[in-house]
């Protein structure tokens, strides 16, 4: 039985943005954002303003309404300077979803159930259209750790993971490989992160895979989680 959140098709409200250009890479990623503005209307105005120079393919409102700003065949301007698994033009390789939430600056709060359900359905449809691996469903903070915190530690990655749409936090991460801090950073790079900003990338990893404690400290639990993720990928379980 499919999850009831995936049983419905997404209803799209066309809200065109002029901010896009042509892709130079095939779609292989899905990047989650929060809008980080005081309300959804302000975010939509900015994302559709020709003066702003930013956009996304979709915006998901708190009531679950989904707006399409840019056609998936075009390159929206949502990721900025970013990197993931060898890709430096993340905008060309990705679909961007902006999820209405005031973010850390304006009163970060949990994402409502209707909004999460819409994000799940939209993610399911996008992944099927483009055959996007779970490991390439990422947060803005994953691809730009030195600049971004979104969608943040309250984003329900666990639900997406349970439905097969994102990597889960490994439950069997019990072995600390005992890496030095430098070796941990190399392992993060191997997993897919840009490690230029050492503290920021550790924080980004913890925000995604250990949201209950985001302190930037490379400890045994962080090493064990990353070690398990890399093992799962080598065994073909982290696609």
C-alpha atoms as a PDB file:
ATOM      1  CA  UNK A   1       0.000   0.000   0.000  1.00  0.00           C
ATOM      2  CA  UNK A   2       1.464   3.416  -0.939  1.00  0.00           C
ATOM      3  CA  UNK A   3       1.702   6.019   1.773  1.00  0.00           C
ATOM      4  CA  UNK A   4      -1.421   8.174   1.668  1.00  0.00           C
ATOM      5  CA  UNK A   5       0.757  11.253   1.227  1.00  0.00           C
ATOM      6  CA  UNK A   6       1.979   9.804  -2.071  1.00  0.00           C
ATOM      7  CA  UNK A   7      -1.383   8.524  -3.259  1.00  0.00           C
ATOM      8  CA  UNK A   8      -2.473  11.937  -4.601  1.00  0.00           C
ATOM      9  CA  UNK A   9      -1.017  13.761  -7.548  1.00  0.00           C
ATOM     10  CA  UNK A  10       0.318  17.258  -6.979  1.00  0.00           C
ATOM     11  CA  UNK A  11      -1.925  20.105  -8.111  1.00  0.00           C
ATOM     12  CA  UNK A  12       0.231  22.868  -9.559  1.00  0.00           C
ATOM     13  CA  UNK A  13      -0.506  26.594  -9.602  1.00  0.00           C
ATOM     14  CA  UNK A  14       1.451  28.218 -12.430  1.00  0.00           C
ATOM     15  CA  UNK A  15       3.289  31.303 -11.129  1.00  0.00           C
ATOM     16  CA  UNK A  16       5.974  32.070 -13.714  1.00  0.00           C
ATOM     17  CA  UNK A  17       9.299  33.626 -12.804  1.00  0.00           C
ATOM     18  CA  UNK A  18      11.452  35.351 -15.442  1.00  0.00           C
ATOM     19  CA  UNK A  19      14.597  34.192 -13.673  1.00  0.00           C
ATOM     20  CA  UNK A  20      15.933  31.160 -15.530  1.00  0.00           C
ATOM     21  CA  UNK A  21      18.185  30.130 -18.396  1.00  0.00           C
ATOM     22  CA  UNK A  22      19.197  26.961 -20.247  1.00  0.00           C
ATOM     23  CA  UNK A  23      20.628  23.911 -18.517  1.00  0.00           C
ATOM     24  CA  UNK A  24      24.081  22.648 -19.391  1.00  0.00           C
ATOM     25  CA  UNK A  25      23.741  19.382 -17.449  1.00  0.00           C
ATOM     26  CA  UNK A  26      21.061  16.700 -17.136  1.00  0.00           C
ATOM     27  CA  UNK A  27      18.958  16.716 -13.974  1.00  0.00           C
ATOM     28  CA  UNK A  28      20.470  14.450 -11.325  1.00  0.00           C
ATOM     29  CA  UNK A  29      19.728  16.290  -8.068  1.00  0.00           C
ATOM     30  CA  UNK A  30      16.868  17.720  -6.012  1.00  0.00           C
ATOM     31  CA  UNK A  31      17.717  20.582  -3.639  1.00  0.00           C
ATOM     32  CA  UNK A  32      15.450  21.484  -0.714  1.00  0.00           C
ATOM     33  CA  UNK A  33      15.349  25.063   0.603  1.00  0.00           C
ATOM     34  CA  UNK A  34      13.327  27.080   3.038  1.00  0.00           C
ATOM     35  CA  UNK A  35      12.300  30.551   1.889  1.00  0.00           C
ATOM     36  CA  UNK A  36      13.771  32.285   4.947  1.00  0.00           C
ATOM     37  CA  UNK A  37      11.524  35.334   4.691  1.00  0.00           C
ATOM     38  CA  UNK A  38       8.830  36.736   6.940  1.00  0.00           C
ATOM     39  CA  UNK A  39       6.017  35.143   4.950  1.00  0.00           C
ATOM     40  CA  UNK A  40       5.278  33.200   1.806  1.00  0.00           C
ATOM     41  CA  UNK A  41       3.933  36.164  -0.143  1.00  0.00           C
ATOM     42  CA  UNK A  42       7.189  38.076   0.327  1.00  0.00           C
ATOM     43  CA  UNK A  43       9.197  35.065  -0.828  1.00  0.00           C
ATOM     44  CA  UNK A  44       7.067  34.539  -3.926  1.00  0.00           C
ATOM     45  CA  UNK A  45       7.343  38.212  -4.861  1.00  0.00           C
ATOM     46  CA  UNK A  46      11.109  38.012  -4.649  1.00  0.00           C
ATOM     47  CA  UNK A  47      11.381  34.725  -6.528  1.00  0.00           C
ATOM     48  CA  UNK A  48       9.278  36.117  -9.380  1.00  0.00           C
ATOM     49  CA  UNK A  49      10.852  39.581  -9.527  1.00  0.00           C
ATOM     50  CA  UNK A  50      13.101  40.286 -12.494  1.00  0.00           C
ATOM     51  CA  UNK A  51      15.206  42.499 -10.225  1.00  0.00           C
ATOM     52  CA  UNK A  52      15.973  39.771  -7.690  1.00  0.00           C
ATOM     53  CA  UNK A  53      17.985  37.363  -9.821  1.00  0.00           C
ATOM     54  CA  UNK A  54      16.748  34.334  -7.888  1.00  0.00           C
ATOM     55  CA  UNK A  55      14.114  31.676  -8.504  1.00  0.00           C
ATOM     56  CA  UNK A  56      13.234  28.033  -7.933  1.00  0.00           C
ATOM     57  CA  UNK A  57      11.263  25.479  -9.855  1.00  0.00           C
ATOM     58  CA  UNK A  58       8.644  25.134  -7.122  1.00  0.00           C
ATOM     59  CA  UNK A  59       7.391  26.820  -3.968  1.00  0.00           C
ATOM     60  CA  UNK A  60       5.406  24.818  -1.428  1.00  0.00           C
ATOM     61  CA  UNK A  61       3.182  26.934   0.815  1.00  0.00           C
ATOM     62  CA  UNK A  62       2.378  26.030   4.416  1.00  0.00           C
ATOM     63  CA  UNK A  63      -1.131  24.926   3.392  1.00  0.00           C
ATOM     64  CA  UNK A  64       0.329  22.486   0.859  1.00  0.00           C
ATOM     65  CA  UNK A  65      -0.298  24.604  -2.234  1.00  0.00           C
ATOM     66  CA  UNK A  66       2.428  24.043  -4.824  1.00  0.00           C
ATOM     67  CA  UNK A  67       3.469  26.835  -7.192  1.00  0.00           C
ATOM     68  CA  UNK A  68       5.558  26.228 -10.299  1.00  0.00           C
ATOM     69  CA  UNK A  69       7.829  29.148 -11.064  1.00  0.00           C
ATOM     70  CA  UNK A  70      10.217  27.600 -13.592  1.00  0.00           C
ATOM     71  CA  UNK A  71       9.761  24.661 -15.951  1.00  0.00           C
ATOM     72  CA  UNK A  72      11.858  21.652 -14.965  1.00  0.00           C
ATOM     73  CA  UNK A  73      13.583  21.743 -18.331  1.00  0.00           C
ATOM     74  CA  UNK A  74      15.131  25.107 -17.488  1.00  0.00           C
ATOM     75  CA  UNK A  75      17.876  26.141 -15.069  1.00  0.00           C
ATOM     76  CA  UNK A  76      16.386  27.991 -12.087  1.00  0.00           C
ATOM     77  CA  UNK A  77      18.608  30.190  -9.922  1.00  0.00           C
ATOM     78  CA  UNK A  78      18.263  28.698  -6.452  1.00  0.00           C
ATOM     79  CA  UNK A  79      21.547  27.116  -5.368  1.00  0.00           C
ATOM     80  CA  UNK A  80      24.085  29.865  -5.972  1.00  0.00           C
ATOM     81  CA  UNK A  81      27.742  28.982  -5.491  1.00  0.00           C
ATOM     82  CA  UNK A  82      27.484  25.342  -4.515  1.00  0.00           C
ATOM     83  CA  UNK A  83      28.945  21.867  -4.925  1.00  0.00           C
ATOM     84  CA  UNK A  84      27.880  18.254  -4.577  1.00  0.00           C
ATOM     85  CA  UNK A  85      29.678  15.074  -5.623  1.00  0.00           C
ATOM     86  CA  UNK A  86      31.809  16.727  -8.254  1.00  0.00           C
ATOM     87  CA  UNK A  87      29.086  19.010  -9.608  1.00  0.00           C
ATOM     88  CA  UNK A  88      29.938  22.703  -9.432  1.00  0.00           C
ATOM     89  CA  UNK A  89      26.966  24.005 -11.428  1.00  0.00           C
ATOM     90  CA  UNK A  90      24.296  22.664  -9.110  1.00  0.00           C
ATOM     91  CA  UNK A  91      21.646  24.904 -10.689  1.00  0.00           C
ATOM     92  CA  UNK A  92      22.142  23.172 -14.040  1.00  0.00           C
ATOM     93  CA  UNK A  93      21.961  19.694 -12.519  1.00  0.00           C
ATOM     94  CA  UNK A  94      19.090  20.162 -10.090  1.00  0.00           C
ATOM     95  CA  UNK A  95      15.451  20.877  -9.418  1.00  0.00           C
ATOM     96  CA  UNK A  96      14.974  23.431  -6.623  1.00  0.00           C
ATOM     97  CA  UNK A  97      12.073  23.372  -4.163  1.00  0.00           C
ATOM     98  CA  UNK A  98      11.533  26.386  -1.904  1.00  0.00           C
ATOM     99  CA  UNK A  99       9.471  25.501   1.179  1.00  0.00           C
ATOM    100  CA  UNK A 100       7.768  28.419   2.892  1.00  0.00           C
ATOM    101  CA  UNK A 101       9.247  28.828   6.376  1.00  0.00           C
ATOM    102  CA  UNK A 102      10.645  31.982   8.032  1.00  0.00           C
ATOM    103  CA  UNK A 103      13.896  30.177   8.726  1.00  0.00           C
ATOM    104  CA  UNK A 104      16.461  30.784  11.432  1.00  0.00           C
ATOM    105  CA  UNK A 105      16.463  34.559  10.939  1.00  0.00           C
ATOM    106  CA  UNK A 106      12.729  35.168  11.291  1.00  0.00           C
ATOM    107  CA  UNK A 107      11.465  32.465  13.654  1.00  0.00           C
ATOM    108  CA  UNK A 108      12.282  28.971  12.445  1.00  0.00           C
ATOM    109  CA  UNK A 109       9.452  26.561  13.159  1.00  0.00           C
ATOM    110  CA  UNK A 110       8.322  23.013  12.318  1.00  0.00           C
ATOM    111  CA  UNK A 111       6.918  22.403   8.859  1.00  0.00           C
ATOM    112  CA  UNK A 112       3.112  21.840   8.889  1.00  0.00           C
ATOM    113  CA  UNK A 113       1.715  18.414   8.003  1.00  0.00           C
ATOM    114  CA  UNK A 114      -0.052  19.606   4.828  1.00  0.00           C
ATOM    115  CA  UNK A 115       3.144  21.218   3.608  1.00  0.00           C
ATOM    116  CA  UNK A 116       5.206  18.118   4.317  1.00  0.00           C
ATOM    117  CA  UNK A 117       2.658  15.925   2.529  1.00  0.00           C
ATOM    118  CA  UNK A 118       2.893  18.160  -0.548  1.00  0.00           C
ATOM    119  CA  UNK A 119       6.700  18.101  -0.469  1.00  0.00           C
ATOM    120  CA  UNK A 120       6.612  14.295  -0.297  1.00  0.00           C
ATOM    121  CA  UNK A 121       4.265  13.999  -3.271  1.00  0.00           C
ATOM    122  CA  UNK A 122       6.227  16.528  -5.303  1.00  0.00           C
ATOM    123  CA  UNK A 123       9.514  14.794  -4.486  1.00  0.00           C
ATOM    124  CA  UNK A 124       8.074  11.452  -5.534  1.00  0.00           C
ATOM    125  CA  UNK A 125       6.954  12.821  -8.900  1.00  0.00           C
ATOM    126  CA  UNK A 126      10.231  14.657  -9.598  1.00  0.00           C
ATOM    127  CA  UNK A 127      12.372  11.660  -8.695  1.00  0.00           C
ATOM    128  CA  UNK A 128      10.364   9.399 -10.983  1.00  0.00           C
ATOM    129  CA  UNK A 129      10.623  11.835 -13.882  1.00  0.00           C
ATOM    130  CA  UNK A 130      14.387  12.242 -13.597  1.00  0.00           C
ATOM    131  CA  UNK A 131      15.531   9.042 -11.847  1.00  0.00           C
ATOM    132  CA  UNK A 132      17.204  11.055  -9.091  1.00  0.00           C
ATOM    133  CA  UNK A 133      19.105   8.927  -6.559  1.00  0.00           C
ATOM    134  CA  UNK A 134      18.127   9.238  -2.890  1.00  0.00           C
ATOM    135  CA  UNK A 135      21.662  10.382  -2.130  1.00  0.00           C
ATOM    136  CA  UNK A 136      21.168  13.371  -4.424  1.00  0.00           C
ATOM    137  CA  UNK A 137      18.085  14.628  -2.604  1.00  0.00           C
ATOM    138  CA  UNK A 138      19.893  17.205  -0.496  1.00  0.00           C
ATOM    139  CA  UNK A 139      19.501  20.412   1.455  1.00  0.00           C
ATOM    140  CA  UNK A 140      20.832  23.803   0.454  1.00  0.00           C
ATOM    141  CA  UNK A 141      23.149  23.555   3.446  1.00  0.00           C
ATOM    142  CA  UNK A 142      24.627  20.340   2.025  1.00  0.00           C
ATOM    143  CA  UNK A 143      25.620  21.951  -1.259  1.00  0.00           C
ATOM    144  CA  UNK A 144      26.609  25.339   0.225  1.00  0.00           C
ATOM    145  CA  UNK A 145      27.667  24.622   3.835  1.00  0.00           C
ATOM    146  CA  UNK A 146      29.592  27.833   4.349  1.00  0.00           C
ATOM    147  CA  UNK A 147      26.612  30.001   3.315  1.00  0.00           C
ATOM    148  CA  UNK A 148      23.360  28.230   4.098  1.00  0.00           C
ATOM    149  CA  UNK A 149      21.440  26.499   6.903  1.00  0.00           C
ATOM    150  CA  UNK A 150      18.284  25.540   5.034  1.00  0.00           C
ATOM    151  CA  UNK A 151      16.039  23.632   5.101  1.00  0.00           C
ATOM    152  CA  UNK A 152      17.390  23.169   8.610  1.00  0.00           C
ATOM    153  CA  UNK A 153      17.307  20.663  11.429  1.00  0.00           C
ATOM    154  CA  UNK A 154      13.492  20.670  11.693  1.00  0.00           C
ATOM    155  CA  UNK A 155      13.006  19.514   8.121  1.00  0.00           C
ATOM    156  CA  UNK A 156      11.487  15.995   8.143  1.00  0.00           C
ATOM    157  CA  UNK A 157      14.264  14.127   6.362  1.00  0.00           C
ATOM    158  CA  UNK A 158      13.245  11.075   8.365  1.00  0.00           C
ATOM    159  CA  UNK A 159       9.861  10.957   6.640  1.00  0.00           C
ATOM    160  CA  UNK A 160      11.353  11.341   3.186  1.00  0.00           C
ATOM    161  CA  UNK A 161      13.860   8.620   4.051  1.00  0.00           C
ATOM    162  CA  UNK A 162      11.147   6.275   5.326  1.00  0.00           C
ATOM    163  CA  UNK A 163       9.365   6.651   1.992  1.00  0.00           C
ATOM    164  CA  UNK A 164      12.566   6.035   0.039  1.00  0.00           C
ATOM    165  CA  UNK A 165      13.110   9.623  -1.092  1.00  0.00           C
ATOM    166  CA  UNK A 166      16.264  10.511   0.874  1.00  0.00           C
ATOM    167  CA  UNK A 167      19.072   8.820   2.732  1.00  0.00           C
ATOM    168  CA  UNK A 168      18.151   7.744   6.241  1.00  0.00           C
ATOM    169  CA  UNK A 169      20.256   8.349   9.311  1.00  0.00           C
ATOM    170  CA  UNK A 170      21.914   4.943   9.717  1.00  0.00           C
ATOM    171  CA  UNK A 171      20.459   3.026  12.654  1.00  0.00           C
ATOM    172  CA  UNK A 172      23.408   0.643  12.765  1.00  0.00           C
ATOM    173  CA  UNK A 173      26.092   3.332  13.041  1.00  0.00           C
ATOM    174  CA  UNK A 174      27.844   1.748  16.005  1.00  0.00           C
ATOM    175  CA  UNK A 175      31.440   1.485  14.802  1.00  0.00           C
ATOM    176  CA  UNK A 176      33.700   4.482  15.347  1.00  0.00           C
ATOM    177  CA  UNK A 177      36.510   4.147  12.779  1.00  0.00           C
ATOM    178  CA  UNK A 178      38.700   6.397  14.923  1.00  0.00           C
ATOM    179  CA  UNK A 179      39.608   8.752  12.113  1.00  0.00           C
ATOM    180  CA  UNK A 180      41.630  11.851  12.821  1.00  0.00           C
ATOM    181  CA  UNK A 181      39.815  15.120  12.161  1.00  0.00           C
ATOM    182  CA  UNK A 182      41.648  15.419   8.851  1.00  0.00           C
ATOM    183  CA  UNK A 183      40.608  11.909   7.846  1.00  0.00           C
ATOM    184  CA  UNK A 184      36.991  12.680   8.768  1.00  0.00           C
ATOM    185  CA  UNK A 185      37.055  15.691   6.447  1.00  0.00           C
ATOM    186  CA  UNK A 186      38.492  13.571   3.648  1.00  0.00           C
ATOM    187  CA  UNK A 187      35.666  11.097   4.231  1.00  0.00           C
ATOM    188  CA  UNK A 188      33.130  13.948   4.033  1.00  0.00           C
ATOM    189  CA  UNK A 189      34.670  14.973   0.730  1.00  0.00           C
ATOM    190  CA  UNK A 190      34.455  11.394  -0.482  1.00  0.00           C
ATOM    191  CA  UNK A 191      30.791  11.332   0.510  1.00  0.00           C
ATOM    192  CA  UNK A 192      30.100  14.441  -1.557  1.00  0.00           C
ATOM    193  CA  UNK A 193      30.672  17.627   0.447  1.00  0.00           C
ATOM    194  CA  UNK A 194      32.841  20.648  -0.286  1.00  0.00           C
ATOM    195  CA  UNK A 195      35.211  20.682   2.697  1.00  0.00           C
ATOM    196  CA  UNK A 196      36.879  24.058   2.181  1.00  0.00           C
ATOM    197  CA  UNK A 197      35.184  25.540   5.260  1.00  0.00           C
ATOM    198  CA  UNK A 198      35.976  22.849   7.791  1.00  0.00           C
ATOM    199  CA  UNK A 199      33.700  23.904  10.637  1.00  0.00           C
ATOM    200  CA  UNK A 200      30.793  24.732   8.336  1.00  0.00           C
ATOM    201  CA  UNK A 201      30.869  21.373   6.591  1.00  0.00           C
ATOM    202  CA  UNK A 202      30.860  19.455   9.888  1.00  0.00           C
ATOM    203  CA  UNK A 203      27.888  21.535  11.028  1.00  0.00           C
ATOM    204  CA  UNK A 204      26.107  20.875   7.725  1.00  0.00           C
ATOM    205  CA  UNK A 205      26.684  17.136   8.035  1.00  0.00           C
ATOM    206  CA  UNK A 206      25.366  17.120  11.594  1.00  0.00           C
ATOM    207  CA  UNK A 207      22.373  19.264  10.649  1.00  0.00           C
ATOM    208  CA  UNK A 208      21.446  16.637   8.083  1.00  0.00           C
ATOM    209  CA  UNK A 209      22.420  13.397   9.827  1.00  0.00           C
ATOM    210  CA  UNK A 210      22.481  14.273  13.548  1.00  0.00           C
ATOM    211  CA  UNK A 211      20.050  17.163  13.990  1.00  0.00           C
ATOM    212  CA  UNK A 212      19.655  16.615  17.735  1.00  0.00           C
ATOM    213  CA  UNK A 213      23.231  17.859  18.355  1.00  0.00           C
ATOM    214  CA  UNK A 214      24.775  20.373  15.960  1.00  0.00           C
ATOM    215  CA  UNK A 215      27.974  21.538  17.597  1.00  0.00           C
ATOM    216  CA  UNK A 216      30.591  21.266  14.845  1.00  0.00           C
ATOM    217  CA  UNK A 217      32.646  18.840  16.945  1.00  0.00           C
ATOM    218  CA  UNK A 218      34.025  15.792  15.178  1.00  0.00           C
ATOM    219  CA  UNK A 219      33.176  13.105  17.709  1.00  0.00           C
ATOM    220  CA  UNK A 220      32.738   9.349  17.745  1.00  0.00           C
ATOM    221  CA  UNK A 221      29.068   9.446  16.832  1.00  0.00           C
ATOM    222  CA  UNK A 222      29.667  11.702  13.834  1.00  0.00           C
ATOM    223  CA  UNK A 223      32.483   9.448  12.639  1.00  0.00           C
ATOM    224  CA  UNK A 224      30.324   6.335  13.072  1.00  0.00           C
ATOM    225  CA  UNK A 225      27.422   7.830  11.095  1.00  0.00           C
ATOM    226  CA  UNK A 226      29.655   8.883   8.207  1.00  0.00           C
ATOM    227  CA  UNK A 227      31.490   5.550   8.230  1.00  0.00           C
ATOM    228  CA  UNK A 228      28.175   3.687   7.950  1.00  0.00           C
ATOM    229  CA  UNK A 229      26.933   5.958   5.166  1.00  0.00           C
ATOM    230  CA  UNK A 230      30.082   5.292   3.162  1.00  0.00           C
ATOM    231  CA  UNK A 231      29.829   1.537   3.765  1.00  0.00           C
ATOM    232  CA  UNK A 232      26.204   1.560   2.638  1.00  0.00           C
ATOM    233  CA  UNK A 233      27.150   3.406  -0.525  1.00  0.00           C
ATOM    234  CA  UNK A 234      29.896   0.917  -1.325  1.00  0.00           C
ATOM    235  CA  UNK A 235      27.393  -1.901  -0.819  1.00  0.00           C
ATOM    236  CA  UNK A 236      24.905  -0.237  -3.149  1.00  0.00           C
ATOM    237  CA  UNK A 237      22.452   0.648  -0.393  1.00  0.00           C
ATOM    238  CA  UNK A 238      22.875   4.417  -0.465  1.00  0.00           C
ATOM    239  CA  UNK A 239      21.885   5.243  -4.021  1.00  0.00           C
END
